Amino acid sequence: MKRMHGLNEAPIRHAIAANGGNDLPDGFLDFAGLRTRVPLSERTLRNLLANGVIPHIRVPGGRRILFDWPSVEKS
């Protein structure tokens, strides 16, 4: 199972646990936020995620995916 995709997981997990898991840690986007910044279709973005082109982290215990915008811009 892939959990990490180009990001350091420990600080992200800690930030999510600290705020109860409801809000995004500072500097991170969810999928909806990524879609507003990247002019690609949802299907194309999901294909890029599946192929490991876009760095992301899948939050443990759920289906949530987070993106560090500076890392996404570099990819």
C-alpha atoms as a PDB file:
ATOM      1  CA  MET A   1       0.000   0.000   0.000  1.00  0.00           C
ATOM      2  CA  LYS A   2       1.423   3.371  -0.987  1.00  0.00           C
ATOM      3  CA  ARG A   3       1.228   5.936   1.805  1.00  0.00           C
ATOM      4  CA  MET A   4       3.962   8.429   1.049  1.00  0.00           C
ATOM      5  CA  HIS A   5       4.559  10.112  -2.256  1.00  0.00           C
ATOM      6  CA  GLY A   6       7.391  12.594  -1.993  1.00  0.00           C
ATOM      7  CA  LEU A   7       6.498  14.222   1.344  1.00  0.00           C
ATOM      8  CA  ASN A   8       7.677  13.768   4.930  1.00  0.00           C
ATOM      9  CA  GLU A   9       4.756  12.074   6.665  1.00  0.00           C
ATOM     10  CA  ALA A  10       5.504  12.655  10.394  1.00  0.00           C
ATOM     11  CA  PRO A  11       4.881  16.444  10.632  1.00  0.00           C
ATOM     12  CA  ILE A  12       1.718  16.135   8.549  1.00  0.00           C
ATOM     13  CA  ARG A  13       0.285  13.356  10.719  1.00  0.00           C
ATOM     14  CA  HIS A  14       1.090  15.371  13.850  1.00  0.00           C
ATOM     15  CA  ALA A  15      -0.596  18.514  12.501  1.00  0.00           C
ATOM     16  CA  ILE A  16      -3.718  16.591  11.539  1.00  0.00           C
ATOM     17  CA  ALA A  17      -3.930  14.908  14.934  1.00  0.00           C
ATOM     18  CA  ALA A  18      -3.376  18.231  16.724  1.00  0.00           C
ATOM     19  CA  ASN A  19      -6.373  19.876  15.080  1.00  0.00           C
ATOM     20  CA  GLY A  20      -8.692  16.892  15.402  1.00  0.00           C
ATOM     21  CA  GLY A  21      -8.327  15.813  11.794  1.00  0.00           C
ATOM     22  CA  ASN A  22     -10.954  18.264  10.542  1.00  0.00           C
ATOM     23  CA  ASP A  23      -8.885  21.165   9.234  1.00  0.00           C
ATOM     24  CA  LEU A  24      -5.984  21.174   6.832  1.00  0.00           C
ATOM     25  CA  PRO A  25      -2.497  21.779   8.202  1.00  0.00           C
ATOM     26  CA  ASP A  26      -1.011  25.131   7.180  1.00  0.00           C
ATOM     27  CA  GLY A  27       0.343  25.110   3.646  1.00  0.00           C
ATOM     28  CA  PHE A  28      -1.565  22.030   2.484  1.00  0.00           C
ATOM     29  CA  LEU A  29      -4.387  21.653  -0.010  1.00  0.00           C
ATOM     30  CA  ASP A  30      -7.049  18.997  -0.330  1.00  0.00           C
ATOM     31  CA  PHE A  31      -8.125  17.669  -3.729  1.00  0.00           C
ATOM     32  CA  ALA A  32     -10.713  20.424  -4.233  1.00  0.00           C
ATOM     33  CA  GLY A  33      -8.065  23.065  -3.487  1.00  0.00           C
ATOM     34  CA  LEU A  34      -5.668  21.451  -5.930  1.00  0.00           C
ATOM     35  CA  ARG A  35      -8.325  21.480  -8.655  1.00  0.00           C
ATOM     36  CA  THR A  36      -8.779  25.224  -8.244  1.00  0.00           C
ATOM     37  CA  ARG A  37      -5.043  25.818  -8.812  1.00  0.00           C
ATOM     38  CA  VAL A  38      -4.294  23.319 -11.575  1.00  0.00           C
ATOM     39  CA  PRO A  39      -6.085  23.778 -14.928  1.00  0.00           C
ATOM     40  CA  LEU A  40      -6.588  20.061 -15.580  1.00  0.00           C
ATOM     41  CA  SER A  41      -9.662  17.865 -15.456  1.00  0.00           C
ATOM     42  CA  GLU A  42     -10.410  15.795 -12.366  1.00  0.00           C
ATOM     43  CA  ARG A  43      -9.753  12.610 -14.322  1.00  0.00           C
ATOM     44  CA  THR A  44      -6.331  13.824 -15.485  1.00  0.00           C
ATOM     45  CA  LEU A  45      -5.372  14.840 -11.933  1.00  0.00           C
ATOM     46  CA  ARG A  46      -6.425  11.443 -10.577  1.00  0.00           C
ATOM     47  CA  ASN A  47      -4.382   9.689 -13.280  1.00  0.00           C
ATOM     48  CA  LEU A  48      -1.338  11.815 -12.402  1.00  0.00           C
ATOM     49  CA  LEU A  49      -1.811  10.896  -8.724  1.00  0.00           C
ATOM     50  CA  ALA A  50      -2.112   7.207  -9.518  1.00  0.00           C
ATOM     51  CA  ASN A  51       1.092   7.351 -11.576  1.00  0.00           C
ATOM     52  CA  GLY A  52       3.034   9.183  -8.851  1.00  0.00           C
ATOM     53  CA  VAL A  53       3.560  12.357 -10.888  1.00  0.00           C
ATOM     54  CA  ILE A  54       2.017  14.690  -8.290  1.00  0.00           C
ATOM     55  CA  PRO A  55       3.553  14.470  -4.776  1.00  0.00           C
ATOM     56  CA  HIS A  56       0.903  13.804  -2.132  1.00  0.00           C
ATOM     57  CA  ILE A  57       0.168  12.040   1.103  1.00  0.00           C
ATOM     58  CA  ARG A  58      -2.795   9.825   1.854  1.00  0.00           C
ATOM     59  CA  VAL A  59      -3.906  10.527   5.421  1.00  0.00           C
ATOM     60  CA  PRO A  60      -3.879   7.345   7.546  1.00  0.00           C
ATOM     61  CA  GLY A  61      -7.293   6.067   8.552  1.00  0.00           C
ATOM     62  CA  GLY A  62      -9.180   7.700   5.725  1.00  0.00           C
ATOM     63  CA  ARG A  63      -9.473   8.479   2.063  1.00  0.00           C
ATOM     64  CA  ARG A  64      -8.217  12.041   2.364  1.00  0.00           C
ATOM     65  CA  ILE A  65      -5.289  13.127   0.204  1.00  0.00           C
ATOM     66  CA  LEU A  66      -3.226  16.228   0.965  1.00  0.00           C
ATOM     67  CA  PHE A  67      -0.908  18.221  -1.264  1.00  0.00           C
ATOM     68  CA  ASP A  68       1.955  20.540  -0.343  1.00  0.00           C
ATOM     69  CA  TRP A  69       1.586  23.289  -2.949  1.00  0.00           C
ATOM     70  CA  PRO A  70       5.327  24.148  -3.302  1.00  0.00           C
ATOM     71  CA  SER A  71       6.069  20.444  -3.880  1.00  0.00           C
ATOM     72  CA  VAL A  72       3.303  20.208  -6.476  1.00  0.00           C
ATOM     73  CA  GLU A  73       4.635  23.285  -8.291  1.00  0.00           C
ATOM     74  CA  LYS A  74       8.106  21.710  -8.495  1.00  0.00           C
ATOM     75  CA  SER A  75       6.804  18.459  -9.963  1.00  0.00           C
END
